[in-house]
Amino acid sequence: MASITIRNLDDHVKQRLRMRAATHGRSMEEEAREILRRVMDEASPPVNLAAAIRARVPVSARVELALPAREPMRDPPQLG
């Protein structure tokens, strides 16, 4: 088993961790392990931004937009 040290932990965060651990009848260390375990077991977010946005917007709220036709590219300017 590996171990880590967390430096510069905000006093407020440490106090909240202490209170949460006491509520669950665990040590602060065990509570931190449980939090990390739970967070790391969650599914990772989708890599595709469009898919992530689509997943958050309900079908009933989606709108189809008419896209204007694209014009051909202009010729680059002649330099010199």
N, C-alpha and C. Protein backbone atom coordinates (compact mmCIF):
# COMPACT_ATOMS: atom_id res chain seq x y z
N MET A 1 0.83 -1.19 0.00
CA MET A 1 0.00 0.00 0.00
C MET A 1 0.88 1.25 0.00
N ALA A 2 0.47 2.22 -0.78
CA ALA A 2 1.19 3.49 -0.85
C ALA A 2 0.63 4.46 0.17
N SER A 3 1.40 5.47 0.48
CA SER A 3 0.90 6.51 1.38
C SER A 3 1.24 7.86 0.76
N ILE A 4 0.44 8.87 1.11
CA ILE A 4 0.68 10.23 0.62
C ILE A 4 0.60 11.20 1.79
N THR A 5 1.22 12.34 1.61
CA THR A 5 1.14 13.42 2.59
C THR A 5 0.52 14.61 1.87
N ILE A 6 -0.46 15.23 2.49
CA ILE A 6 -1.10 16.40 1.89
C ILE A 6 -0.65 17.62 2.67
N ARG A 7 0.12 18.45 2.03
CA ARG A 7 0.65 19.65 2.67
C ARG A 7 -0.27 20.84 2.38
N ASN A 8 -0.17 21.86 3.21
CA ASN A 8 -0.89 23.12 3.04
C ASN A 8 -2.40 22.92 2.93
N LEU A 9 -2.94 22.00 3.68
CA LEU A 9 -4.38 21.77 3.71
C LEU A 9 -5.02 22.89 4.52
N ASP A 10 -6.01 23.52 3.95
CA ASP A 10 -6.70 24.62 4.60
C ASP A 10 -7.30 24.14 5.93
N ASP A 11 -7.19 24.95 6.97
CA ASP A 11 -7.70 24.57 8.30
C ASP A 11 -9.20 24.27 8.25
N HIS A 12 -9.94 25.02 7.45
CA HIS A 12 -11.39 24.81 7.34
C HIS A 12 -11.68 23.43 6.73
N VAL A 13 -10.91 23.05 5.71
CA VAL A 13 -11.09 21.73 5.08
C VAL A 13 -10.75 20.63 6.07
N LYS A 14 -9.68 20.82 6.83
CA LYS A 14 -9.29 19.81 7.82
C LYS A 14 -10.39 19.67 8.88
N GLN A 15 -10.94 20.77 9.33
CA GLN A 15 -12.01 20.73 10.33
C GLN A 15 -13.24 20.01 9.78
N ARG A 16 -13.60 20.30 8.54
CA ARG A 16 -14.75 19.64 7.92
C ARG A 16 -14.50 18.14 7.77
N LEU A 17 -13.27 17.76 7.42
CA LEU A 17 -12.93 16.35 7.30
C LEU A 17 -13.02 15.67 8.67
N ARG A 18 -12.55 16.36 9.70
CA ARG A 18 -12.63 15.81 11.05
C ARG A 18 -14.08 15.58 11.46
N MET A 19 -14.94 16.56 11.17
CA MET A 19 -16.37 16.45 11.53
C MET A 19 -17.04 15.33 10.73
N ARG A 20 -16.72 15.25 9.45
CA ARG A 20 -17.31 14.21 8.60
C ARG A 20 -16.88 12.82 9.06
N ALA A 21 -15.61 12.69 9.42
CA ALA A 21 -15.09 11.41 9.90
C ALA A 21 -15.80 11.01 11.19
N ALA A 22 -15.98 11.97 12.09
CA ALA A 22 -16.65 11.67 13.36
C ALA A 22 -18.10 11.25 13.12
N THR A 23 -18.75 11.89 12.16
CA THR A 23 -20.14 11.54 11.82
C THR A 23 -20.23 10.09 11.34
N HIS A 24 -19.23 9.66 10.59
CA HIS A 24 -19.22 8.30 10.04
C HIS A 24 -18.51 7.29 10.96
N GLY A 25 -18.03 7.75 12.11
CA GLY A 25 -17.36 6.86 13.05
C GLY A 25 -16.03 6.34 12.54
N ARG A 26 -15.30 7.18 11.79
CA ARG A 26 -14.01 6.79 11.23
C ARG A 26 -12.94 7.79 11.63
N SER A 27 -11.69 7.39 11.44
CA SER A 27 -10.59 8.32 11.62
C SER A 27 -10.56 9.26 10.41
N MET A 28 -9.87 10.39 10.54
CA MET A 28 -9.74 11.32 9.43
C MET A 28 -9.05 10.64 8.25
N GLU A 29 -8.06 9.83 8.56
CA GLU A 29 -7.32 9.13 7.50
C GLU A 29 -8.23 8.17 6.74
N GLU A 30 -9.04 7.40 7.46
CA GLU A 30 -9.95 6.46 6.81
C GLU A 30 -11.02 7.22 6.02
N GLU A 31 -11.49 8.33 6.55
CA GLU A 31 -12.48 9.14 5.84
C GLU A 31 -11.90 9.66 4.53
N ALA A 32 -10.66 10.15 4.57
CA ALA A 32 -10.00 10.65 3.35
C ALA A 32 -9.83 9.51 2.34
N ARG A 33 -9.47 8.32 2.80
CA ARG A 33 -9.35 7.16 1.90
C ARG A 33 -10.69 6.85 1.24
N GLU A 34 -11.75 6.88 2.04
CA GLU A 34 -13.09 6.58 1.51
C GLU A 34 -13.52 7.62 0.47
N ILE A 35 -13.25 8.89 0.74
CA ILE A 35 -13.59 9.95 -0.22
C ILE A 35 -12.82 9.74 -1.52
N LEU A 36 -11.52 9.49 -1.42
CA LEU A 36 -10.72 9.26 -2.62
C LEU A 36 -11.19 8.03 -3.38
N ARG A 37 -11.50 6.95 -2.66
CA ARG A 37 -11.98 5.72 -3.29
C ARG A 37 -13.26 5.99 -4.08
N ARG A 38 -14.19 6.71 -3.45
CA ARG A 38 -15.48 6.98 -4.07
C ARG A 38 -15.31 7.86 -5.31
N VAL A 39 -14.50 8.89 -5.22
CA VAL A 39 -14.29 9.80 -6.35
C VAL A 39 -13.59 9.08 -7.50
N MET A 40 -12.62 8.26 -7.19
CA MET A 40 -11.87 7.57 -8.25
C MET A 40 -12.69 6.47 -8.90
N ASP A 41 -13.72 5.96 -8.23
CA ASP A 41 -14.57 4.94 -8.82
C ASP A 41 -15.63 5.51 -9.75
N GLU A 42 -15.85 6.83 -9.71
CA GLU A 42 -16.84 7.45 -10.57
C GLU A 42 -16.36 7.37 -12.01
N ALA A 43 -17.30 7.33 -12.93
CA ALA A 43 -16.95 7.27 -14.35
C ALA A 43 -16.23 8.55 -14.74
N SER A 44 -15.24 8.42 -15.60
CA SER A 44 -14.51 9.60 -16.05
C SER A 44 -15.37 10.36 -17.05
N PRO A 45 -15.21 11.68 -17.10
CA PRO A 45 -16.03 12.47 -18.00
C PRO A 45 -15.70 12.16 -19.46
N PRO A 46 -16.67 12.34 -20.35
CA PRO A 46 -16.40 12.06 -21.76
C PRO A 46 -15.33 13.01 -22.31
N VAL A 47 -14.53 12.52 -23.20
CA VAL A 47 -13.47 13.32 -23.79
C VAL A 47 -14.03 14.27 -24.85
N ASN A 48 -15.09 13.85 -25.52
CA ASN A 48 -15.69 14.62 -26.58
C ASN A 48 -16.57 15.72 -25.98
N LEU A 49 -16.20 16.98 -26.16
CA LEU A 49 -16.93 18.10 -25.57
C LEU A 49 -18.37 18.16 -26.09
N ALA A 50 -18.56 17.95 -27.39
CA ALA A 50 -19.91 18.00 -27.96
C ALA A 50 -20.79 16.93 -27.33
N ALA A 51 -20.24 15.72 -27.15
CA ALA A 51 -21.01 14.64 -26.53
C ALA A 51 -21.34 14.96 -25.08
N ALA A 52 -20.42 15.59 -24.38
CA ALA A 52 -20.65 15.96 -22.99
C ALA A 52 -21.77 16.99 -22.88
N ILE A 53 -21.78 17.96 -23.78
CA ILE A 53 -22.83 18.99 -23.77
C ILE A 53 -24.17 18.36 -24.13
N ARG A 54 -24.16 17.51 -25.17
CA ARG A 54 -25.40 16.84 -25.58
C ARG A 54 -25.98 16.00 -24.44
N ALA A 55 -25.12 15.36 -23.67
CA ALA A 55 -25.57 14.52 -22.57
C ALA A 55 -26.22 15.35 -21.45
N ARG A 56 -25.83 16.61 -21.32
CA ARG A 56 -26.36 17.46 -20.25
C ARG A 56 -27.66 18.17 -20.63
N VAL A 57 -27.91 18.32 -21.95
CA VAL A 57 -29.09 19.06 -22.40
C VAL A 57 -30.19 18.06 -22.75
N PRO A 58 -31.35 18.16 -22.11
CA PRO A 58 -32.43 17.22 -22.44
C PRO A 58 -32.91 17.41 -23.87
N VAL A 59 -33.38 16.34 -24.47
CA VAL A 59 -33.85 16.37 -25.85
C VAL A 59 -34.93 17.43 -26.03
N SER A 60 -35.80 17.60 -25.05
CA SER A 60 -36.89 18.57 -25.17
C SER A 60 -36.39 20.02 -25.22
N ALA A 61 -35.17 20.28 -24.78
CA ALA A 61 -34.65 21.64 -24.76
C ALA A 61 -33.75 21.95 -25.96
N ARG A 62 -33.54 20.95 -26.81
CA ARG A 62 -32.65 21.14 -27.96
C ARG A 62 -33.36 21.89 -29.08
N VAL A 63 -32.59 22.65 -29.85
CA VAL A 63 -33.11 23.43 -30.95
C VAL A 63 -32.26 23.16 -32.18
N GLU A 64 -32.89 22.96 -33.31
CA GLU A 64 -32.17 22.80 -34.57
C GLU A 64 -31.98 24.18 -35.20
N LEU A 65 -30.77 24.52 -35.53
CA LEU A 65 -30.48 25.81 -36.14
C LEU A 65 -30.16 25.61 -37.62
N ALA A 66 -30.65 26.51 -38.45
CA ALA A 66 -30.32 26.47 -39.86
C ALA A 66 -28.96 27.12 -40.05
N LEU A 67 -28.04 26.39 -40.63
CA LEU A 67 -26.71 26.94 -40.85
C LEU A 67 -26.65 27.58 -42.23
N PRO A 68 -26.10 28.78 -42.33
CA PRO A 68 -26.00 29.43 -43.65
C PRO A 68 -25.01 28.66 -44.54
N ALA A 69 -25.23 28.74 -45.84
CA ALA A 69 -24.32 28.09 -46.78
C ALA A 69 -22.95 28.75 -46.70
N ARG A 70 -21.93 27.95 -46.82
CA ARG A 70 -20.57 28.49 -46.79
C ARG A 70 -20.19 29.03 -48.16
N GLU A 71 -19.43 30.10 -48.12
CA GLU A 71 -18.93 30.67 -49.36
C GLU A 71 -17.56 30.07 -49.64
N PRO A 72 -17.16 30.05 -50.92
CA PRO A 72 -15.82 29.51 -51.21
C PRO A 72 -14.76 30.40 -50.56
N MET A 73 -13.63 29.79 -50.28
CA MET A 73 -12.52 30.54 -49.67
C MET A 73 -11.99 31.58 -50.65
N ARG A 74 -11.57 32.69 -50.11
CA ARG A 74 -10.97 33.73 -50.95
C ARG A 74 -9.55 33.32 -51.30
N ASP A 75 -9.06 33.84 -52.39
CA ASP A 75 -7.67 33.62 -52.74
C ASP A 75 -6.81 34.41 -51.76
N PRO A 76 -5.66 33.85 -51.35
CA PRO A 76 -4.80 34.58 -50.43
C PRO A 76 -4.23 35.84 -51.11
N PRO A 77 -3.92 36.85 -50.30
CA PRO A 77 -3.36 38.07 -50.90
C PRO A 77 -1.98 37.80 -51.49
N GLN A 78 -1.66 38.50 -52.55
CA GLN A 78 -0.35 38.39 -53.19
C GLN A 78 0.59 39.39 -52.52
N LEU A 79 1.61 38.88 -51.88
CA LEU A 79 2.56 39.74 -51.19
C LEU A 79 3.79 39.94 -52.06
N GLY A 80 4.25 41.18 -52.15
CA GLY A 80 5.50 41.49 -52.79
C GLY A 80 5.51 41.54 -54.22
